[in-house]
PDB file of N, CA and C in Angstrom:
ATOM      1  N   MET A   1       0.838  -1.175   0.000  1.00  0.00           N
ATOM      2  CA  MET A   1       0.000   0.000   0.000  1.00  0.00           C
ATOM      3  C   MET A   1       0.884   1.240   0.000  1.00  0.00           C
ATOM      4  N   ARG A   2       0.539   2.168  -0.836  1.00  0.00           N
ATOM      5  CA  ARG A   2       1.300   3.401  -0.972  1.00  0.00           C
ATOM      6  C   ARG A   2       0.676   4.486  -0.102  1.00  0.00           C
ATOM      7  N   TYR A   3       1.510   5.139   0.679  1.00  0.00           N
ATOM      8  CA  TYR A   3       1.037   6.235   1.519  1.00  0.00           C
ATOM      9  C   TYR A   3       1.392   7.559   0.863  1.00  0.00           C
ATOM     10  N   ILE A   4       0.441   8.442   0.849  1.00  0.00           N
ATOM     11  CA  ILE A   4       0.647   9.751   0.245  1.00  0.00           C
ATOM     12  C   ILE A   4       0.739  10.779   1.359  1.00  0.00           C
ATOM     13  N   GLN A   5       1.743  11.602   1.272  1.00  0.00           N
ATOM     14  CA  GLN A   5       1.907  12.674   2.252  1.00  0.00           C
ATOM     15  C   GLN A   5       1.130  13.900   1.789  1.00  0.00           C
ATOM     16  N   TYR A   6       0.326  14.437   2.667  1.00  0.00           N
ATOM     17  CA  TYR A   6      -0.443  15.640   2.360  1.00  0.00           C
ATOM     18  C   TYR A   6      -0.011  16.775   3.270  1.00  0.00           C
ATOM     19  N   THR A   7       0.072  17.954   2.689  1.00  0.00           N
ATOM     20  CA  THR A   7       0.339  19.146   3.489  1.00  0.00           C
ATOM     21  C   THR A   7      -0.971  19.561   4.162  1.00  0.00           C
ATOM     22  N   PRO A   8      -0.895  20.383   5.190  1.00  0.00           N
ATOM     23  CA  PRO A   8      -2.132  20.870   5.819  1.00  0.00           C
ATOM     24  C   PRO A   8      -3.061  21.575   4.822  1.00  0.00           C
ATOM     25  N   ASP A   9      -2.501  22.322   3.880  1.00  0.00           N
ATOM     26  CA  ASP A   9      -3.331  22.993   2.870  1.00  0.00           C
ATOM     27  C   ASP A   9      -4.046  21.985   1.976  1.00  0.00           C
ATOM     28  N   GLU A  10      -3.346  20.922   1.600  1.00  0.00           N
ATOM     29  CA  GLU A  10      -3.959  19.889   0.763  1.00  0.00           C
ATOM     30  C   GLU A  10      -5.063  19.158   1.519  1.00  0.00           C
ATOM     31  N   VAL A  11      -4.837  18.914   2.792  1.00  0.00           N
ATOM     32  CA  VAL A  11      -5.860  18.277   3.619  1.00  0.00           C
ATOM     33  C   VAL A  11      -7.096  19.173   3.705  1.00  0.00           C
ATOM     34  N   GLU A  12      -6.876  20.469   3.845  1.00  0.00           N
ATOM     35  CA  GLU A  12      -7.989  21.418   3.910  1.00  0.00           C
ATOM     36  C   GLU A  12      -8.813  21.395   2.619  1.00  0.00           C
ATOM     37  N   VAL A  13      -8.138  21.336   1.480  1.00  0.00           N
ATOM     38  CA  VAL A  13      -8.847  21.271   0.198  1.00  0.00           C
ATOM     39  C   VAL A  13      -9.653  19.976   0.105  1.00  0.00           C
ATOM     40  N   LEU A  14      -9.038  18.857   0.444  1.00  0.00           N
ATOM     41  CA  LEU A  14      -9.743  17.578   0.359  1.00  0.00           C
ATOM     42  C   LEU A  14     -10.921  17.514   1.326  1.00  0.00           C
ATOM     43  N   MET A  15     -10.767  18.073   2.521  1.00  0.00           N
ATOM     44  CA  MET A  15     -11.878  18.109   3.477  1.00  0.00           C
ATOM     45  C   MET A  15     -13.015  18.980   2.946  1.00  0.00           C
ATOM     46  N   SER A  16     -12.670  20.102   2.346  1.00  0.00           N
ATOM     47  CA  SER A  16     -13.702  20.962   1.757  1.00  0.00           C
ATOM     48  C   SER A  16     -14.418  20.242   0.622  1.00  0.00           C
ATOM     49  N   CYS A  17     -13.681  19.449  -0.146  1.00  0.00           N
ATOM     50  CA  CYS A  17     -14.303  18.662  -1.219  1.00  0.00           C
ATOM     51  C   CYS A  17     -15.273  17.628  -0.642  1.00  0.00           C
ATOM     52  N   LEU A  18     -14.889  16.999   0.460  1.00  0.00           N
ATOM     53  CA  LEU A  18     -15.783  16.035   1.103  1.00  0.00           C
ATOM     54  C   LEU A  18     -17.056  16.709   1.602  1.00  0.00           C
ATOM     55  N   LEU A  19     -16.911  17.875   2.215  1.00  0.00           N
ATOM     56  CA  LEU A  19     -18.080  18.607   2.703  1.00  0.00           C
ATOM     57  C   LEU A  19     -18.974  19.056   1.548  1.00  0.00           C
ATOM     58  N   LEU A  20     -18.354  19.474   0.459  1.00  0.00           N
ATOM     59  CA  LEU A  20     -19.112  19.866  -0.730  1.00  0.00           C
ATOM     60  C   LEU A  20     -19.878  18.665  -1.280  1.00  0.00           C
ATOM     61  N   ALA A  21     -19.220  17.516  -1.339  1.00  0.00           N
ATOM     62  CA  ALA A  21     -19.871  16.301  -1.836  1.00  0.00           C
ATOM     63  C   ALA A  21     -21.051  15.918  -0.943  1.00  0.00           C
ATOM     64  N   ARG A  22     -20.863  16.019   0.362  1.00  0.00           N
ATOM     65  CA  ARG A  22     -21.954  15.693   1.289  1.00  0.00           C
ATOM     66  C   ARG A  22     -23.147  16.621   1.063  1.00  0.00           C
ATOM     67  N   GLU A  23     -22.883  17.904   0.912  1.00  0.00           N
ATOM     68  CA  GLU A  23     -23.956  18.873   0.681  1.00  0.00           C
ATOM     69  C   GLU A  23     -24.660  18.588  -0.647  1.00  0.00           C
ATOM     70  N   ALA A  24     -23.884  18.240  -1.669  1.00  0.00           N
ATOM     71  CA  ALA A  24     -24.467  17.928  -2.978  1.00  0.00           C
ATOM     72  C   ALA A  24     -25.351  16.684  -2.898  1.00  0.00           C
ATOM     73  N   PHE A  25     -24.886  15.656  -2.201  1.00  0.00           N
ATOM     74  CA  PHE A  25     -25.698  14.448  -2.066  1.00  0.00           C
ATOM     75  C   PHE A  25     -26.961  14.715  -1.258  1.00  0.00           C
ATOM     76  N   THR A  26     -26.880  15.591  -0.271  1.00  0.00           N
ATOM     77  CA  THR A  26     -28.076  15.966   0.486  1.00  0.00           C
ATOM     78  C   THR A  26     -29.089  16.637  -0.430  1.00  0.00           C
ATOM     79  N   LEU A  27     -28.625  17.540  -1.270  1.00  0.00           N
ATOM     80  CA  LEU A  27     -29.512  18.214  -2.219  1.00  0.00           C
ATOM     81  C   LEU A  27     -30.135  17.209  -3.186  1.00  0.00           C
ATOM     82  N   ILE A  28     -29.330  16.312  -3.728  1.00  0.00           N
ATOM     83  CA  ILE A  28     -29.856  15.306  -4.653  1.00  0.00           C
ATOM     84  C   ILE A  28     -30.889  14.429  -3.946  1.00  0.00           C
ATOM     85  N   ARG A  29     -30.607  14.045  -2.711  1.00  0.00           N
ATOM     86  CA  ARG A  29     -31.567  13.246  -1.937  1.00  0.00           C
ATOM     87  C   ARG A  29     -32.872  14.008  -1.761  1.00  0.00           C
ATOM     88  N   ASN A  30     -32.775  15.278  -1.407  1.00  0.00           N
ATOM     89  CA  ASN A  30     -33.981  16.072  -1.185  1.00  0.00           C
ATOM     90  C   ASN A  30     -34.769  16.292  -2.473  1.00  0.00           C
ATOM     91  N   LEU A  31     -34.084  16.403  -3.588  1.00  0.00           N
ATOM     92  CA  LEU A  31     -34.781  16.519  -4.874  1.00  0.00           C
ATOM     93  C   LEU A  31     -35.569  15.251  -5.187  1.00  0.00           C
ATOM     94  N   GLY A  32     -35.086  14.132  -4.679  1.00  0.00           N
ATOM     95  CA  GLY A  32     -35.772  12.855  -4.868  1.00  0.00           C
ATOM     96  C   GLY A  32     -36.707  12.523  -3.729  1.00  0.00           C
ATOM     97  N   LEU A  33     -37.176  13.530  -3.025  1.00  0.00           N
ATOM     98  CA  LEU A  33     -38.119  13.412  -1.916  1.00  0.00           C
ATOM     99  C   LEU A  33     -37.497  12.821  -0.669  1.00  0.00           C
ATOM    100  N   GLY A  34     -36.211  12.965  -0.521  1.00  0.00           N
ATOM    101  CA  GLY A  34     -35.562  12.575   0.725  1.00  0.00           C
ATOM    102  C   GLY A  34     -35.676  11.105   1.027  1.00  0.00           C
ATOM    103  N   ARG A  35     -35.821  10.814   2.290  1.00  0.00           N
ATOM    104  CA  ARG A  35     -35.809   9.429   2.739  1.00  0.00           C
ATOM    105  C   ARG A  35     -37.073   8.674   2.379  1.00  0.00           C
ATOM    106  N   LEU A  36     -38.148   9.395   2.059  1.00  0.00           N
ATOM    107  CA  LEU A  36     -39.391   8.698   1.725  1.00  0.00           C
ATOM    108  C   LEU A  36     -39.197   7.733   0.571  1.00  0.00           C
ATOM    109  N   GLY A  37     -38.415   8.128  -0.414  1.00  0.00           N
ATOM    110  CA  GLY A  37     -38.191   7.268  -1.565  1.00  0.00           C
ATOM    111  C   GLY A  37     -37.471   5.981  -1.221  1.00  0.00           C
ATOM    112  N   LEU A  38     -36.707   5.995  -0.142  1.00  0.00           N
ATOM    113  CA  LEU A  38     -35.954   4.807   0.252  1.00  0.00           C
ATOM    114  C   LEU A  38     -36.805   3.835   1.059  1.00  0.00           C
ATOM    115  N   TYR A  39     -37.629   4.354   1.961  1.00  0.00           N
ATOM    116  CA  TYR A  39     -38.323   3.490   2.911  1.00  0.00           C
ATOM    117  C   TYR A  39     -39.778   3.208   2.565  1.00  0.00           C
ATOM    118  N   ASP A  40     -40.389   4.027   1.760  1.00  0.00           N
ATOM    119  CA  ASP A  40     -41.801   3.861   1.445  1.00  0.00           C
ATOM    120  C   ASP A  40     -41.932   3.199   0.075  1.00  0.00           C
ATOM    121  N   LEU A  41     -42.311   1.938   0.061  1.00  0.00           N
ATOM    122  CA  LEU A  41     -42.364   1.192  -1.195  1.00  0.00           C
ATOM    123  C   LEU A  41     -43.400   1.755  -2.159  1.00  0.00           C
ATOM    124  N   ASP A  42     -44.508   2.259  -1.639  1.00  0.00           N
ATOM    125  CA  ASP A  42     -45.542   2.828  -2.505  1.00  0.00           C
ATOM    126  C   ASP A  42     -45.212   4.257  -2.904  1.00  0.00           C
ATOM    127  N   ASN A  43     -44.422   4.916  -2.118  1.00  0.00           N
ATOM    128  CA  ASN A  43     -43.988   6.294  -2.352  1.00  0.00           C
ATOM    129  C   ASN A  43     -45.147   7.205  -2.767  1.00  0.00           C
ATOM    130  N   PRO A  44     -46.161   7.325  -1.900  1.00  0.00           N
ATOM    131  CA  PRO A  44     -47.312   8.150  -2.270  1.00  0.00           C
ATOM    132  C   PRO A  44     -46.952   9.617  -2.472  1.00  0.00           C
ATOM    133  N   SER A  45     -45.908  10.091  -1.827  1.00  0.00           N
ATOM    134  CA  SER A  45     -45.553  11.500  -1.979  1.00  0.00           C
ATOM    135  C   SER A  45     -45.100  11.808  -3.411  1.00  0.00           C
ATOM    136  N   LEU A  46     -44.504  10.845  -4.094  1.00  0.00           N
ATOM    137  CA  LEU A  46     -44.110  11.053  -5.485  1.00  0.00           C
ATOM    138  C   LEU A  46     -45.342  11.254  -6.370  1.00  0.00           C
ATOM    139  N   ASP A  47     -46.406  10.544  -6.054  1.00  0.00           N
ATOM    140  CA  ASP A  47     -47.642  10.697  -6.820  1.00  0.00           C
ATOM    141  C   ASP A  47     -48.239  12.089  -6.660  1.00  0.00           C
ATOM    142  N   ALA A  48     -47.909  12.758  -5.569  1.00  0.00           N
ATOM    143  CA  ALA A  48     -48.456  14.092  -5.316  1.00  0.00           C
ATOM    144  C   ALA A  48     -47.759  15.170  -6.144  1.00  0.00           C
ATOM    145  N   LEU A  49     -46.608  14.847  -6.714  1.00  0.00           N
ATOM    146  CA  LEU A  49     -45.868  15.832  -7.500  1.00  0.00           C
ATOM    147  C   LEU A  49     -46.329  15.824  -8.954  1.00  0.00           C
ATOM    148  N   SER A  50     -46.286  16.993  -9.552  1.00  0.00           N
ATOM    149  CA  SER A  50     -46.615  17.075 -10.975  1.00  0.00           C
ATOM    150  C   SER A  50     -45.453  16.510 -11.794  1.00  0.00           C
ATOM    151  N   GLU A  51     -45.764  16.127 -13.006  1.00  0.00           N
ATOM    152  CA  GLU A  51     -44.724  15.627 -13.905  1.00  0.00           C
ATOM    153  C   GLU A  51     -43.668  16.702 -14.143  1.00  0.00           C
ATOM    154  N   GLU A  52     -44.101  17.956 -14.234  1.00  0.00           N
ATOM    155  CA  GLU A  52     -43.173  19.072 -14.444  1.00  0.00           C
ATOM    156  C   GLU A  52     -42.193  19.205 -13.277  1.00  0.00           C
ATOM    157  N   THR A  53     -42.683  19.062 -12.049  1.00  0.00           N
ATOM    158  CA  THR A  53     -41.810  19.153 -10.874  1.00  0.00           C
ATOM    159  C   THR A  53     -40.799  18.014 -10.864  1.00  0.00           C
ATOM    160  N   VAL A  54     -41.256  16.829 -11.195  1.00  0.00           N
ATOM    161  CA  VAL A  54     -40.342  15.678 -11.250  1.00  0.00           C
ATOM    162  C   VAL A  54     -39.263  15.917 -12.301  1.00  0.00           C
ATOM    163  N   ARG A  55     -39.645  16.436 -13.453  1.00  0.00           N
ATOM    164  CA  ARG A  55     -38.673  16.730 -14.518  1.00  0.00           C
ATOM    165  C   ARG A  55     -37.680  17.810 -14.078  1.00  0.00           C
ATOM    166  N   GLN A  56     -38.179  18.858 -13.436  1.00  0.00           N
ATOM    167  CA  GLN A  56     -37.292  19.924 -12.961  1.00  0.00           C
ATOM    168  C   GLN A  56     -36.295  19.386 -11.938  1.00  0.00           C
ATOM    169  N   ASN A  57     -36.789  18.584 -10.995  1.00  0.00           N
ATOM    170  CA  ASN A  57     -35.901  18.020  -9.977  1.00  0.00           C
ATOM    171  C   ASN A  57     -34.844  17.117 -10.597  1.00  0.00           C
ATOM    172  N   LEU A  58     -35.253  16.319 -11.571  1.00  0.00           N
ATOM    173  CA  LEU A  58     -34.305  15.434 -12.250  1.00  0.00           C
ATOM    174  C   LEU A  58     -33.262  16.240 -13.012  1.00  0.00           C
ATOM    175  N   ASN A  59     -33.681  17.319 -13.649  1.00  0.00           N
ATOM    176  CA  ASN A  59     -32.754  18.183 -14.375  1.00  0.00           C
ATOM    177  C   ASN A  59     -31.736  18.811 -13.420  1.00  0.00           C
ATOM    178  N   ILE A  60     -32.201  19.321 -12.297  1.00  0.00           N
ATOM    179  CA  ILE A  60     -31.300  19.935 -11.311  1.00  0.00           C
ATOM    180  C   ILE A  60     -30.330  18.893 -10.767  1.00  0.00           C
ATOM    181  N   ALA A  61     -30.837  17.711 -10.442  1.00  0.00           N
ATOM    182  CA  ALA A  61     -29.965  16.647  -9.928  1.00  0.00           C
ATOM    183  C   ALA A  61     -28.907  16.269 -10.955  1.00  0.00           C
ATOM    184  N   GLY A  62     -29.287  16.214 -12.224  1.00  0.00           N
ATOM    185  CA  GLY A  62     -28.329  15.898 -13.284  1.00  0.00           C
ATOM    186  C   GLY A  62     -27.265  16.965 -13.440  1.00  0.00           C
ATOM    187  N   GLN A  63     -27.667  18.232 -13.360  1.00  0.00           N
ATOM    188  CA  GLN A  63     -26.701  19.331 -13.441  1.00  0.00           C
ATOM    189  C   GLN A  63     -25.696  19.255 -12.295  1.00  0.00           C
ATOM    190  N   LEU A  64     -26.204  19.001 -11.101  1.00  0.00           N
ATOM    191  CA  LEU A  64     -25.320  18.933  -9.935  1.00  0.00           C
ATOM    192  C   LEU A  64     -24.389  17.724 -10.024  1.00  0.00           C
ATOM    193  N   ALA A  65     -24.917  16.602 -10.467  1.00  0.00           N
ATOM    194  CA  ALA A  65     -24.076  15.410 -10.628  1.00  0.00           C
ATOM    195  C   ALA A  65     -22.965  15.666 -11.639  1.00  0.00           C
ATOM    196  N   GLU A  66     -23.281  16.381 -12.705  1.00  0.00           N
ATOM    197  CA  GLU A  66     -22.261  16.707 -13.706  1.00  0.00           C
ATOM    198  C   GLU A  66     -21.179  17.592 -13.102  1.00  0.00           C
ATOM    199  N   ALA A  67     -21.583  18.574 -12.320  1.00  0.00           N
ATOM    200  CA  ALA A  67     -20.594  19.451 -11.677  1.00  0.00           C
ATOM    201  C   ALA A  67     -19.708  18.665 -10.720  1.00  0.00           C
ATOM    202  N   MET A  68     -20.302  17.762  -9.964  1.00  0.00           N
ATOM    203  CA  MET A  68     -19.551  17.013  -8.956  1.00  0.00           C
ATOM    204  C   MET A  68     -18.738  15.868  -9.558  1.00  0.00           C
ATOM    205  N   HIS A  69     -19.001  15.549 -10.798  1.00  0.00           N
ATOM    206  CA  HIS A  69     -18.311  14.447 -11.475  1.00  0.00           C
ATOM    207  C   HIS A  69     -16.789  14.639 -11.475  1.00  0.00           C
ATOM    208  N   HIS A  70     -16.340  15.866 -11.388  1.00  0.00           N
ATOM    209  CA  HIS A  70     -14.913  16.151 -11.473  1.00  0.00           C
ATOM    210  C   HIS A  70     -14.259  16.379 -10.113  1.00  0.00           C
ATOM    211  N   LEU A  71     -14.841  15.853  -9.057  1.00  0.00           N
ATOM    212  CA  LEU A  71     -14.175  15.952  -7.758  1.00  0.00           C
ATOM    213  C   LEU A  71     -12.794  15.317  -7.863  1.00  0.00           C
ATOM    214  N   PRO A  72     -11.794  15.907  -7.240  1.00  0.00           N
ATOM    215  CA  PRO A  72     -10.446  15.343  -7.337  1.00  0.00           C
ATOM    216  C   PRO A  72     -10.349  13.999  -6.622  1.00  0.00           C
ATOM    217  N   VAL A  73      -9.519  13.126  -7.166  1.00  0.00           N
ATOM    218  CA  VAL A  73      -9.311  11.818  -6.550  1.00  0.00           C
ATOM    219  C   VAL A  73      -8.024  11.767  -5.737  1.00  0.00           C
ATOM    220  N   ASP A  74      -7.159  12.732  -5.948  1.00  0.00           N
ATOM    221  CA  ASP A  74      -5.930  12.813  -5.163  1.00  0.00           C
ATOM    222  C   ASP A  74      -5.410  14.243  -5.209  1.00  0.00           C
ATOM    223  N   LYS A  75      -4.301  14.467  -4.557  1.00  0.00           N
ATOM    224  CA  LYS A  75      -3.793  15.838  -4.448  1.00  0.00           C
ATOM    225  C   LYS A  75      -3.246  16.386  -5.761  1.00  0.00           C
ATOM    226  N   ASP A  76      -3.031  15.531  -6.736  1.00  0.00           N
ATOM    227  CA  ASP A  76      -2.492  15.976  -8.019  1.00  0.00           C
ATOM    228  C   ASP A  76      -3.581  16.243  -9.063  1.00  0.00           C
ATOM    229  N   SER A  77      -4.829  16.179  -8.662  1.00  0.00           N
ATOM    230  CA  SER A  77      -5.947  16.353  -9.599  1.00  0.00           C
ATOM    231  C   SER A  77      -6.368  17.818  -9.711  1.00  0.00           C
ATOM    232  N   VAL A  78      -5.411  18.689  -9.955  1.00  0.00           N
ATOM    233  CA  VAL A  78      -5.684  20.127 -10.002  1.00  0.00           C
ATOM    234  C   VAL A  78      -6.631  20.471 -11.147  1.00  0.00           C
ATOM    235  N   ASN A  79      -6.434  19.858 -12.307  1.00  0.00           N
ATOM    236  CA  ASN A  79      -7.316  20.137 -13.444  1.00  0.00           C
ATOM    237  C   ASN A  79      -8.753  19.731 -13.140  1.00  0.00           C
ATOM    238  N   ASP A  80      -8.929  18.562 -12.510  1.00  0.00           N
ATOM    239  CA  ASP A  80     -10.269  18.125 -12.129  1.00  0.00           C
ATOM    240  C   ASP A  80     -10.892  19.104 -11.147  1.00  0.00           C
ATOM    241  N   LEU A  81     -10.109  19.568 -10.197  1.00  0.00           N
ATOM    242  CA  LEU A  81     -10.607  20.496  -9.189  1.00  0.00           C
ATOM    243  C   LEU A  81     -11.066  21.798  -9.831  1.00  0.00           C
ATOM    244  N   GLU A  82     -10.257  22.335 -10.720  1.00  0.00           N
ATOM    245  CA  GLU A  82     -10.629  23.582 -11.398  1.00  0.00           C
ATOM    246  C   GLU A  82     -11.863  23.385 -12.277  1.00  0.00           C
ATOM    247  N   CYS A  83     -11.965  22.243 -12.930  1.00  0.00           N
ATOM    248  CA  CYS A  83     -13.127  21.936 -13.760  1.00  0.00           C
ATOM    249  C   CYS A  83     -14.380  21.820 -12.882  1.00  0.00           C
ATOM    250  N   MET A  84     -14.253  21.146 -11.746  1.00  0.00           N
ATOM    251  CA  MET A  84     -15.377  21.005 -10.829  1.00  0.00           C
ATOM    252  C   MET A  84     -15.837  22.372 -10.334  1.00  0.00           C
ATOM    253  N   LEU A  85     -14.900  23.242  -9.974  1.00  0.00           N
ATOM    254  CA  LEU A  85     -15.261  24.575  -9.490  1.00  0.00           C
ATOM    255  C   LEU A  85     -15.953  25.394 -10.579  1.00  0.00           C
ATOM    256  N   LEU A  86     -15.483  25.274 -11.803  1.00  0.00           N
ATOM    257  CA  LEU A  86     -16.113  25.976 -12.922  1.00  0.00           C
ATOM    258  C   LEU A  86     -17.548  25.492 -13.126  1.00  0.00           C
ATOM    259  N   HIS A  87     -17.732  24.162 -13.121  1.00  0.00           N
ATOM    260  CA  HIS A  87     -19.073  23.609 -13.300  1.00  0.00           C
ATOM    261  C   HIS A  87     -19.979  23.933 -12.112  1.00  0.00           C
ATOM    262  N   MET A  88     -19.418  23.976 -10.915  1.00  0.00           N
ATOM    263  CA  MET A  88     -20.221  24.333  -9.746  1.00  0.00           C
ATOM    264  C   MET A  88     -20.693  25.780  -9.857  1.00  0.00           C
ATOM    265  N   GLU A  89     -19.813  26.647 -10.332  1.00  0.00           N
ATOM    266  CA  GLU A  89     -20.189  28.051 -10.534  1.00  0.00           C
ATOM    267  C   GLU A  89     -21.335  28.150 -11.542  1.00  0.00           C
ATOM    268  N   GLN A  90     -21.253  27.383 -12.618  1.00  0.00           N
ATOM    269  CA  GLN A  90     -22.324  27.373 -13.618  1.00  0.00           C
ATOM    270  C   GLN A  90     -23.624  26.839 -13.021  1.00  0.00           C
ATOM    271  N   PHE A  91     -23.513  25.783 -12.230  1.00  0.00           N
ATOM    272  CA  PHE A  91     -24.700  25.212 -11.586  1.00  0.00           C
ATOM    273  C   PHE A  91     -25.371  26.235 -10.676  1.00  0.00           C
ATOM    274  N   LEU A  92     -24.578  26.907  -9.846  1.00  0.00           N
ATOM    275  CA  LEU A  92     -25.144  27.877  -8.910  1.00  0.00           C
ATOM    276  C   LEU A  92     -25.760  29.068  -9.633  1.00  0.00           C
ATOM    277  N   SER A  93     -25.150  29.486 -10.739  1.00  0.00           N
ATOM    278  CA  SER A  93     -25.712  30.619 -11.480  1.00  0.00           C
ATOM    279  C   SER A  93     -27.043  30.250 -12.147  1.00  0.00           C
ATOM    280  N   LYS A  94     -27.223  28.976 -12.488  1.00  0.00           N
ATOM    281  CA  LYS A  94     -28.477  28.525 -13.093  1.00  0.00           C
ATOM    282  C   LYS A  94     -29.566  28.251 -12.054  1.00  0.00           C
ATOM    283  N   ASN A  95     -29.158  28.075 -10.803  1.00  0.00           N
ATOM    284  CA  ASN A  95     -30.095  27.680  -9.749  1.00  0.00           C
ATOM    285  C   ASN A  95     -29.933  28.550  -8.506  1.00  0.00           C
ATOM    286  N   PRO A  96     -30.170  29.860  -8.622  1.00  0.00           N
ATOM    287  CA  PRO A  96     -29.928  30.771  -7.492  1.00  0.00           C
ATOM    288  C   PRO A  96     -30.674  30.426  -6.198  1.00  0.00           C
ATOM    289  N   PRO A  97     -31.919  29.933  -6.248  1.00  0.00           N
ATOM    290  CA  PRO A  97     -32.584  29.626  -4.973  1.00  0.00           C
ATOM    291  C   PRO A  97     -31.859  28.552  -4.158  1.00  0.00           C
ATOM    292  N   LEU A  98     -31.187  27.638  -4.844  1.00  0.00           N
ATOM    293  CA  LEU A  98     -30.484  26.562  -4.136  1.00  0.00           C
ATOM    294  C   LEU A  98     -29.248  27.085  -3.418  1.00  0.00           C
ATOM    295  N   GLU A  99     -28.698  28.177  -3.922  1.00  0.00           N
ATOM    296  CA  GLU A  99     -27.519  28.770  -3.285  1.00  0.00           C
ATOM    297  C   GLU A  99     -27.858  29.250  -1.880  1.00  0.00           C
ATOM    298  N   GLU A 100     -29.089  29.696  -1.685  1.00  0.00           N
ATOM    299  CA  GLU A 100     -29.510  30.167  -0.370  1.00  0.00           C
ATOM    300  C   GLU A 100     -29.844  29.013   0.565  1.00  0.00           C
ATOM    301  N   GLN A 101     -30.315  27.902   0.022  1.00  0.00           N
ATOM    302  CA  GLN A 101     -30.760  26.777   0.842  1.00  0.00           C
ATOM    303  C   GLN A 101     -29.641  25.813   1.218  1.00  0.00           C
ATOM    304  N   TYR A 102     -28.604  25.754   0.406  1.00  0.00           N
ATOM    305  CA  TYR A 102     -27.529  24.787   0.619  1.00  0.00           C
ATOM    306  C   TYR A 102     -26.191  25.513   0.660  1.00  0.00           C
ATOM    307  N   ARG A 103     -25.203  24.886   1.250  1.00  0.00           N
ATOM    308  CA  ARG A 103     -23.895  25.527   1.444  1.00  0.00           C
ATOM    309  C   ARG A 103     -22.898  25.194   0.335  1.00  0.00           C
ATOM    310  N   LEU A 104     -23.384  24.958  -0.852  1.00  0.00           N
ATOM    311  CA  LEU A 104     -22.500  24.633  -1.971  1.00  0.00           C
ATOM    312  C   LEU A 104     -21.535  25.779  -2.256  1.00  0.00           C
ATOM    313  N   ARG A 105     -22.030  27.001  -2.241  1.00  0.00           N
ATOM    314  CA  ARG A 105     -21.181  28.176  -2.496  1.00  0.00           C
ATOM    315  C   ARG A 105     -20.121  28.322  -1.399  1.00  0.00           C
ATOM    316  N   VAL A 106     -20.516  28.136  -0.166  1.00  0.00           N
ATOM    317  CA  VAL A 106     -19.574  28.274   0.953  1.00  0.00           C
ATOM    318  C   VAL A 106     -18.402  27.320   0.777  1.00  0.00           C
ATOM    319  N   PHE A 107     -18.701  26.060   0.477  1.00  0.00           N
ATOM    320  CA  PHE A 107     -17.635  25.072   0.343  1.00  0.00           C
ATOM    321  C   PHE A 107     -16.811  25.286  -0.925  1.00  0.00           C
ATOM    322  N   SER A 108     -17.456  25.628  -2.034  1.00  0.00           N
ATOM    323  CA  SER A 108     -16.676  25.846  -3.263  1.00  0.00           C
ATOM    324  C   SER A 108     -15.809  27.095  -3.133  1.00  0.00           C
ATOM    325  N   ASP A 109     -16.321  28.137  -2.490  1.00  0.00           N
ATOM    326  CA  ASP A 109     -15.489  29.326  -2.258  1.00  0.00           C
ATOM    327  C   ASP A 109     -14.323  29.013  -1.326  1.00  0.00           C
ATOM    328  N   GLY A 110     -14.560  28.156  -0.339  1.00  0.00           N
ATOM    329  CA  GLY A 110     -13.476  27.742   0.552  1.00  0.00           C
ATOM    330  C   GLY A 110     -12.379  27.002  -0.194  1.00  0.00           C
ATOM    331  N   ILE A 111     -12.772  26.180  -1.150  1.00  0.00           N
ATOM    332  CA  ILE A 111     -11.791  25.461  -1.968  1.00  0.00           C
ATOM    333  C   ILE A 111     -10.997  26.451  -2.811  1.00  0.00           C
ATOM    334  N   LYS A 112     -11.697  27.403  -3.430  1.00  0.00           N
ATOM    335  CA  LYS A 112     -11.015  28.416  -4.244  1.00  0.00           C
ATOM    336  C   LYS A 112      -9.979  29.173  -3.425  1.00  0.00           C
ATOM    337  N   GLU A 113     -10.353  29.569  -2.221  1.00  0.00           N
ATOM    338  CA  GLU A 113      -9.418  30.301  -1.358  1.00  0.00           C
ATOM    339  C   GLU A 113      -8.210  29.449  -0.999  1.00  0.00           C
ATOM    340  N   SER A 114      -8.437  28.172  -0.770  1.00  0.00           N
ATOM    341  CA  SER A 114      -7.345  27.282  -0.368  1.00  0.00           C
ATOM    342  C   SER A 114      -6.344  27.032  -1.485  1.00  0.00           C
ATOM    343  N   ILE A 115      -6.809  27.071  -2.737  1.00  0.00           N
ATOM    344  CA  ILE A 115      -5.887  26.761  -3.839  1.00  0.00           C
ATOM    345  C   ILE A 115      -5.301  28.006  -4.484  1.00  0.00           C
ATOM    346  N   SER A 116      -5.767  29.183  -4.093  1.00  0.00           N
ATOM    347  CA  SER A 116      -5.229  30.400  -4.725  1.00  0.00           C
ATOM    348  C   SER A 116      -4.049  30.955  -3.955  1.00  0.00           C
TER     349      SER A 116
END
C-alpha cells in the first residue's frame, strides 16, 4: 500500500471537497423526496408531484451530478478540481434559490481560497 503525504493545505482542500460532496448528495436526496423514496415502497408523496416538478428536480440533480463528477481523486488532480469549481459556478448561477438553501457556495469558495 502506498502512503501519500499531504500538506495541511492539501488536507484542507480535500476536506472541503468532502463537505461539498456531502452537501451535494443531500440536495440530490432532497430533490428525490428525501428518505421517503428509500423506505416507502408505494412512495405516495411522489404521486403528489406534478410531472413538471419531477422533470425539474431530475434536471437539477443531473446538473449537480455533472458538476460534482470532477471531484479530485488525489492531491495531483488540479485540473479536475478547477473543472469542478467551474461547473459548480455554472450550476449555482443557473439555480440561485439553491444557493440560499444549501452551502454549496460556501464550500466551493473555501476550496477556491485554499488553492489560490
